[in-house]
Amino acid sequence: MADGRLQSFLDALAEDFIPVVPDELTRYIIQQSGISCSRSTGEETNKEKAALDERTLRFFSLAGQKFLSDLIDEACVVQQNRMQAPAKFQQAEGYYSKSKENVLLTDDLAVAMEEIGLRLYRPSVFHAGR
């Protein structure tokens, strides 16, 4: 029963889903990581065997899109918390601005990445002043 729902979900991905992450980028990342995602039916040609299954490719794209949207959402929450902090705290941290525009900083993204277990490394030329 569950296998049929999975099959229909994967088929819908190949037909209706347009990913935010381009297929070419997903294909490149998958191939660089050494994952083989080809369909195995008995009557395929060598060209079809070498090509990635489009359904699997779209599934990876969907997973990447979910990861990116969760990360950006968390970074926006960090940014909102930073903007709601008292001006004295913002000045001490070097973020104070009289402008109330929402600006997502690399530091906000770094905090969000640390919350999910990733660390953002900056190049040595980027360290200026802080």
N, C-alpha and C. Protein backbone atom coordinates (compact mmCIF):
# COMPACT_ATOMS: atom_id res chain seq x y z
N MET A 1 0.82 -1.20 0.00
CA MET A 1 0.00 0.00 0.00
C MET A 1 0.86 1.26 0.00
N ALA A 2 1.81 1.35 0.91
CA ALA A 2 2.68 2.52 0.99
C ALA A 2 3.56 2.62 -0.24
N ASP A 3 3.92 1.47 -0.82
CA ASP A 3 4.75 1.48 -2.01
C ASP A 3 4.04 2.14 -3.18
N GLY A 4 2.75 1.94 -3.30
CA GLY A 4 1.97 2.57 -4.36
C GLY A 4 1.89 4.08 -4.21
N ARG A 5 1.77 4.55 -2.98
CA ARG A 5 1.73 6.00 -2.73
C ARG A 5 3.08 6.63 -3.03
N LEU A 6 4.15 5.94 -2.68
CA LEU A 6 5.48 6.45 -2.97
C LEU A 6 5.70 6.52 -4.48
N GLN A 7 5.28 5.50 -5.19
CA GLN A 7 5.43 5.48 -6.64
C GLN A 7 4.67 6.64 -7.28
N SER A 8 3.42 6.89 -6.83
CA SER A 8 2.64 7.99 -7.40
C SER A 8 3.24 9.34 -7.03
N PHE A 9 3.83 9.45 -5.82
CA PHE A 9 4.50 10.69 -5.42
C PHE A 9 5.71 10.95 -6.30
N LEU A 10 6.53 9.93 -6.54
CA LEU A 10 7.71 10.10 -7.38
C LEU A 10 7.33 10.43 -8.82
N ASP A 11 6.26 9.81 -9.31
CA ASP A 11 5.79 10.13 -10.67
C ASP A 11 5.31 11.57 -10.76
N ALA A 12 4.63 12.05 -9.71
CA ALA A 12 4.16 13.44 -9.69
C ALA A 12 5.33 14.41 -9.65
N LEU A 13 6.42 14.02 -8.99
CA LEU A 13 7.60 14.87 -8.95
C LEU A 13 8.17 15.07 -10.36
N ALA A 14 8.24 13.99 -11.11
CA ALA A 14 8.81 14.05 -12.45
C ALA A 14 7.93 14.86 -13.40
N GLU A 15 6.63 14.85 -13.19
CA GLU A 15 5.72 15.50 -14.12
C GLU A 15 5.40 16.95 -13.74
N ASP A 16 5.06 17.20 -12.48
CA ASP A 16 4.50 18.48 -12.10
C ASP A 16 5.44 19.40 -11.33
N PHE A 17 6.45 18.87 -10.70
CA PHE A 17 7.30 19.64 -9.80
C PHE A 17 8.38 20.38 -10.56
N ILE A 18 8.48 21.69 -10.34
CA ILE A 18 9.56 22.49 -10.91
C ILE A 18 10.42 22.94 -9.73
N PRO A 19 11.62 22.38 -9.59
CA PRO A 19 12.42 22.67 -8.40
C PRO A 19 13.06 24.05 -8.44
N VAL A 20 13.32 24.59 -7.25
CA VAL A 20 14.04 25.85 -7.13
C VAL A 20 15.52 25.61 -7.44
N VAL A 21 16.04 24.49 -6.96
CA VAL A 21 17.42 24.11 -7.25
C VAL A 21 17.42 23.50 -8.65
N PRO A 22 18.17 24.07 -9.60
CA PRO A 22 18.14 23.55 -10.98
C PRO A 22 18.59 22.10 -11.07
N ASP A 23 18.00 21.37 -12.02
CA ASP A 23 18.33 19.96 -12.22
C ASP A 23 19.82 19.76 -12.51
N GLU A 24 20.41 20.69 -13.26
CA GLU A 24 21.82 20.55 -13.62
C GLU A 24 22.70 20.61 -12.37
N LEU A 25 22.37 21.51 -11.44
CA LEU A 25 23.14 21.60 -10.20
C LEU A 25 22.96 20.35 -9.35
N THR A 26 21.72 19.89 -9.24
CA THR A 26 21.46 18.67 -8.47
C THR A 26 22.18 17.48 -9.08
N ARG A 27 22.14 17.36 -10.41
CA ARG A 27 22.82 16.25 -11.10
C ARG A 27 24.33 16.31 -10.84
N TYR A 28 24.91 17.52 -10.90
CA TYR A 28 26.35 17.67 -10.66
C TYR A 28 26.72 17.26 -9.23
N ILE A 29 25.95 17.71 -8.26
CA ILE A 29 26.24 17.39 -6.86
C ILE A 29 26.11 15.89 -6.61
N ILE A 30 25.07 15.29 -7.17
CA ILE A 30 24.87 13.85 -7.01
C ILE A 30 26.02 13.07 -7.63
N GLN A 31 26.42 13.46 -8.84
CA GLN A 31 27.51 12.74 -9.51
C GLN A 31 28.83 12.94 -8.79
N GLN A 32 29.08 14.13 -8.23
CA GLN A 32 30.31 14.38 -7.50
C GLN A 32 30.38 13.59 -6.20
N SER A 33 29.21 13.30 -5.62
CA SER A 33 29.20 12.54 -4.38
C SER A 33 29.25 11.03 -4.62
N GLY A 34 29.15 10.61 -5.88
CA GLY A 34 29.31 9.20 -6.20
C GLY A 34 28.03 8.39 -6.10
N ILE A 35 26.89 9.05 -6.07
CA ILE A 35 25.61 8.34 -5.98
C ILE A 35 25.14 7.97 -7.38
N SER A 36 24.71 6.75 -7.55
CA SER A 36 24.18 6.29 -8.82
C SER A 36 22.67 6.16 -8.69
N CYS A 37 21.95 6.86 -9.54
CA CYS A 37 20.48 6.88 -9.45
C CYS A 37 19.85 6.57 -10.79
N SER A 38 20.20 5.46 -11.39
CA SER A 38 19.61 5.13 -12.68
C SER A 38 18.51 4.11 -12.49
N ARG A 39 17.51 4.18 -13.36
CA ARG A 39 16.43 3.21 -13.33
C ARG A 39 16.95 1.87 -13.82
N SER A 40 16.46 0.82 -13.26
CA SER A 40 16.91 -0.50 -13.72
C SER A 40 15.72 -1.30 -14.22
N THR A 41 15.43 -1.14 -15.50
CA THR A 41 14.46 -2.00 -16.16
C THR A 41 15.24 -2.85 -17.14
N GLY A 42 14.73 -3.95 -17.51
CA GLY A 42 15.47 -4.88 -18.34
C GLY A 42 15.73 -4.42 -19.75
N GLU A 43 14.97 -3.45 -20.27
CA GLU A 43 15.07 -3.11 -21.68
C GLU A 43 15.66 -1.74 -21.96
N GLU A 44 16.49 -1.21 -21.10
CA GLU A 44 17.04 0.11 -21.32
C GLU A 44 18.34 0.04 -22.09
N THR A 45 18.66 1.12 -22.77
CA THR A 45 19.90 1.19 -23.53
C THR A 45 21.00 1.71 -22.62
N ASN A 46 22.22 1.70 -23.12
CA ASN A 46 23.36 2.17 -22.32
C ASN A 46 23.21 3.65 -21.98
N LYS A 47 22.67 4.43 -22.93
CA LYS A 47 22.49 5.86 -22.68
C LYS A 47 21.49 6.07 -21.54
N GLU A 48 20.41 5.33 -21.54
CA GLU A 48 19.41 5.45 -20.49
C GLU A 48 19.96 4.97 -19.16
N LYS A 49 20.83 3.97 -19.19
CA LYS A 49 21.41 3.43 -17.97
C LYS A 49 22.31 4.46 -17.30
N ALA A 50 23.05 5.22 -18.13
CA ALA A 50 23.99 6.20 -17.59
C ALA A 50 23.27 7.44 -17.05
N ALA A 51 22.13 7.74 -17.61
CA ALA A 51 21.40 8.95 -17.18
C ALA A 51 20.74 8.72 -15.83
N LEU A 52 20.66 9.80 -15.06
CA LEU A 52 19.98 9.72 -13.77
C LEU A 52 18.48 9.63 -13.98
N ASP A 53 17.84 8.90 -13.12
CA ASP A 53 16.39 8.83 -13.13
C ASP A 53 15.85 10.21 -12.76
N GLU A 54 15.01 10.77 -13.58
CA GLU A 54 14.50 12.12 -13.35
C GLU A 54 13.70 12.22 -12.06
N ARG A 55 13.00 11.17 -11.71
CA ARG A 55 12.22 11.19 -10.47
C ARG A 55 13.14 11.28 -9.26
N THR A 56 14.22 10.53 -9.28
CA THR A 56 15.18 10.56 -8.17
C THR A 56 15.88 11.91 -8.11
N LEU A 57 16.20 12.45 -9.28
CA LEU A 57 16.82 13.76 -9.36
C LEU A 57 15.92 14.83 -8.74
N ARG A 58 14.65 14.79 -9.07
CA ARG A 58 13.70 15.76 -8.51
C ARG A 58 13.51 15.55 -7.02
N PHE A 59 13.60 14.31 -6.56
CA PHE A 59 13.47 14.04 -5.13
C PHE A 59 14.64 14.67 -4.37
N PHE A 60 15.85 14.55 -4.92
CA PHE A 60 17.01 15.21 -4.31
C PHE A 60 16.84 16.72 -4.35
N SER A 61 16.31 17.26 -5.44
CA SER A 61 16.07 18.70 -5.54
C SER A 61 15.07 19.16 -4.49
N LEU A 62 14.03 18.37 -4.27
CA LEU A 62 13.03 18.70 -3.26
C LEU A 62 13.65 18.69 -1.86
N ALA A 63 14.50 17.72 -1.58
CA ALA A 63 15.17 17.66 -0.27
C ALA A 63 16.10 18.87 -0.09
N GLY A 64 16.81 19.25 -1.14
CA GLY A 64 17.67 20.43 -1.07
C GLY A 64 16.88 21.70 -0.87
N GLN A 65 15.75 21.80 -1.55
CA GLN A 65 14.88 22.97 -1.41
C GLN A 65 14.34 23.08 0.02
N LYS A 66 13.96 21.95 0.60
CA LYS A 66 13.47 21.93 1.98
C LYS A 66 14.56 22.37 2.95
N PHE A 67 15.77 21.86 2.74
CA PHE A 67 16.89 22.23 3.59
C PHE A 67 17.16 23.73 3.51
N LEU A 68 17.21 24.28 2.29
CA LEU A 68 17.49 25.70 2.12
C LEU A 68 16.38 26.57 2.71
N SER A 69 15.13 26.18 2.52
CA SER A 69 14.03 26.99 3.06
C SER A 69 14.02 26.96 4.58
N ASP A 70 14.34 25.82 5.19
CA ASP A 70 14.43 25.75 6.66
C ASP A 70 15.58 26.61 7.18
N LEU A 71 16.71 26.58 6.48
CA LEU A 71 17.87 27.36 6.89
C LEU A 71 17.59 28.86 6.77
N ILE A 72 16.99 29.28 5.69
CA ILE A 72 16.68 30.70 5.51
C ILE A 72 15.61 31.14 6.51
N ASP A 73 14.64 30.29 6.77
CA ASP A 73 13.62 30.62 7.76
C ASP A 73 14.24 30.82 9.14
N GLU A 74 15.14 29.95 9.53
CA GLU A 74 15.81 30.07 10.83
C GLU A 74 16.69 31.33 10.87
N ALA A 75 17.37 31.65 9.76
CA ALA A 75 18.19 32.86 9.70
C ALA A 75 17.32 34.11 9.83
N CYS A 76 16.13 34.08 9.27
CA CYS A 76 15.21 35.22 9.40
C CYS A 76 14.74 35.38 10.84
N VAL A 77 14.52 34.29 11.54
CA VAL A 77 14.14 34.35 12.96
C VAL A 77 15.28 34.95 13.77
N VAL A 78 16.52 34.55 13.48
CA VAL A 78 17.69 35.10 14.17
C VAL A 78 17.79 36.60 13.89
N GLN A 79 17.56 37.00 12.65
CA GLN A 79 17.62 38.41 12.28
C GLN A 79 16.55 39.21 13.00
N GLN A 80 15.33 38.69 13.09
CA GLN A 80 14.25 39.39 13.79
C GLN A 80 14.58 39.53 15.28
N ASN A 81 15.14 38.50 15.88
CA ASN A 81 15.53 38.58 17.29
C ASN A 81 16.63 39.63 17.49
N ARG A 82 17.55 39.69 16.54
CA ARG A 82 18.63 40.68 16.63
C ARG A 82 18.07 42.09 16.51
N MET A 83 17.10 42.29 15.61
CA MET A 83 16.51 43.62 15.42
C MET A 83 15.66 44.05 16.62
N GLN A 84 15.11 43.10 17.35
CA GLN A 84 14.26 43.43 18.50
C GLN A 84 15.08 43.64 19.77
N ALA A 85 16.36 43.37 19.70
CA ALA A 85 17.22 43.58 20.88
C ALA A 85 17.35 45.07 21.14
N PRO A 86 17.59 45.45 22.39
CA PRO A 86 17.76 46.87 22.71
C PRO A 86 18.93 47.49 21.93
N ALA A 87 18.83 48.77 21.66
CA ALA A 87 19.85 49.47 20.87
C ALA A 87 21.23 49.38 21.53
N LYS A 88 21.26 49.38 22.84
CA LYS A 88 22.53 49.29 23.56
C LYS A 88 23.23 47.96 23.25
N PHE A 89 22.48 46.89 23.24
CA PHE A 89 23.05 45.57 22.92
C PHE A 89 23.50 45.52 21.46
N GLN A 90 22.67 46.09 20.57
CA GLN A 90 23.03 46.08 19.16
C GLN A 90 24.31 46.87 18.91
N GLN A 91 24.46 48.00 19.59
CA GLN A 91 25.66 48.81 19.43
C GLN A 91 26.89 48.06 19.95
N ALA A 92 26.74 47.38 21.07
CA ALA A 92 27.86 46.63 21.64
C ALA A 92 28.30 45.50 20.70
N GLU A 93 27.36 44.92 19.99
CA GLU A 93 27.67 43.84 19.05
C GLU A 93 28.10 44.36 17.68
N GLY A 94 27.97 45.66 17.44
CA GLY A 94 28.36 46.25 16.17
C GLY A 94 27.30 46.18 15.09
N TYR A 95 26.04 45.99 15.47
CA TYR A 95 24.97 45.86 14.49
C TYR A 95 24.03 47.06 14.44
N TYR A 96 24.18 48.00 15.33
CA TYR A 96 23.17 49.05 15.45
C TYR A 96 23.12 49.92 14.21
N SER A 97 21.92 50.12 13.76
CA SER A 97 21.66 51.00 12.64
C SER A 97 20.35 51.72 12.92
N LYS A 98 20.30 53.00 12.58
CA LYS A 98 19.07 53.76 12.81
C LYS A 98 17.98 53.33 11.83
N SER A 99 18.39 52.74 10.75
CA SER A 99 17.44 52.24 9.76
C SER A 99 16.76 50.98 10.30
N LYS A 100 15.48 50.87 10.07
CA LYS A 100 14.73 49.70 10.54
C LYS A 100 14.45 48.71 9.41
N GLU A 101 15.26 48.76 8.36
CA GLU A 101 15.10 47.83 7.25
C GLU A 101 15.54 46.43 7.69
N ASN A 102 14.88 45.44 7.19
CA ASN A 102 15.27 44.06 7.47
C ASN A 102 16.42 43.67 6.54
N VAL A 103 17.56 43.42 7.14
CA VAL A 103 18.75 43.03 6.39
C VAL A 103 19.26 41.74 6.99
N LEU A 104 19.34 40.71 6.17
CA LEU A 104 19.84 39.42 6.62
C LEU A 104 21.36 39.42 6.47
N LEU A 105 22.06 39.26 7.59
CA LEU A 105 23.51 39.30 7.59
C LEU A 105 24.10 37.90 7.55
N THR A 106 25.36 37.83 7.15
CA THR A 106 26.06 36.57 7.15
C THR A 106 26.12 36.00 8.55
N ASP A 107 26.22 36.88 9.56
CA ASP A 107 26.25 36.42 10.95
C ASP A 107 24.95 35.73 11.33
N ASP A 108 23.82 36.23 10.81
CA ASP A 108 22.53 35.59 11.08
C ASP A 108 22.50 34.19 10.48
N LEU A 109 23.01 34.08 9.27
CA LEU A 109 23.08 32.78 8.60
C LEU A 109 24.02 31.83 9.35
N ALA A 110 25.13 32.36 9.85
CA ALA A 110 26.08 31.52 10.59
C ALA A 110 25.45 30.97 11.86
N VAL A 111 24.67 31.79 12.57
CA VAL A 111 24.00 31.33 13.79
C VAL A 111 22.98 30.25 13.44
N ALA A 112 22.22 30.47 12.37
CA ALA A 112 21.22 29.48 11.95
C ALA A 112 21.89 28.17 11.55
N MET A 113 23.03 28.25 10.89
CA MET A 113 23.74 27.04 10.48
C MET A 113 24.29 26.28 11.68
N GLU A 114 24.77 27.01 12.68
CA GLU A 114 25.28 26.36 13.89
C GLU A 114 24.18 25.61 14.62
N GLU A 115 22.95 26.13 14.54
CA GLU A 115 21.84 25.47 15.22
C GLU A 115 21.49 24.12 14.60
N ILE A 116 21.84 23.93 13.31
CA ILE A 116 21.57 22.64 12.69
C ILE A 116 22.84 21.79 12.58
N GLY A 117 23.94 22.29 13.15
CA GLY A 117 25.15 21.49 13.20
C GLY A 117 26.18 21.77 12.13
N LEU A 118 26.03 22.86 11.40
CA LEU A 118 27.00 23.23 10.37
C LEU A 118 27.77 24.46 10.84
N ARG A 119 28.98 24.60 10.35
CA ARG A 119 29.78 25.75 10.72
C ARG A 119 30.16 26.50 9.46
N LEU A 120 30.02 27.82 9.51
CA LEU A 120 30.35 28.67 8.38
C LEU A 120 31.75 29.22 8.58
N TYR A 121 32.64 28.88 7.68
CA TYR A 121 34.01 29.38 7.75
C TYR A 121 34.15 30.54 6.77
N ARG A 122 34.76 31.60 7.25
CA ARG A 122 35.00 32.76 6.39
C ARG A 122 36.46 32.77 5.96
N PRO A 123 36.72 33.28 4.77
CA PRO A 123 38.11 33.39 4.35
C PRO A 123 38.87 34.38 5.23
N SER A 124 40.16 34.21 5.34
CA SER A 124 40.97 35.06 6.23
C SER A 124 40.93 36.52 5.81
N VAL A 125 40.72 36.80 4.54
CA VAL A 125 40.68 38.20 4.08
C VAL A 125 39.38 38.88 4.51
N PHE A 126 38.40 38.12 4.93
CA PHE A 126 37.11 38.67 5.33
C PHE A 126 37.14 39.26 6.73
N HIS A 127 38.05 38.81 7.59
CA HIS A 127 38.12 39.26 8.97
C HIS A 127 38.65 40.68 9.03
N ALA A 128 37.74 41.61 9.11
CA ALA A 128 38.16 43.01 9.17
C ALA A 128 37.44 43.70 10.31
N GLY A 129 38.16 43.97 11.36
CA GLY A 129 37.64 44.84 12.41
C GLY A 129 36.92 44.20 13.56
N ARG A 130 36.28 43.11 13.46
CA ARG A 130 35.45 42.58 14.55
C ARG A 130 36.21 41.84 15.53
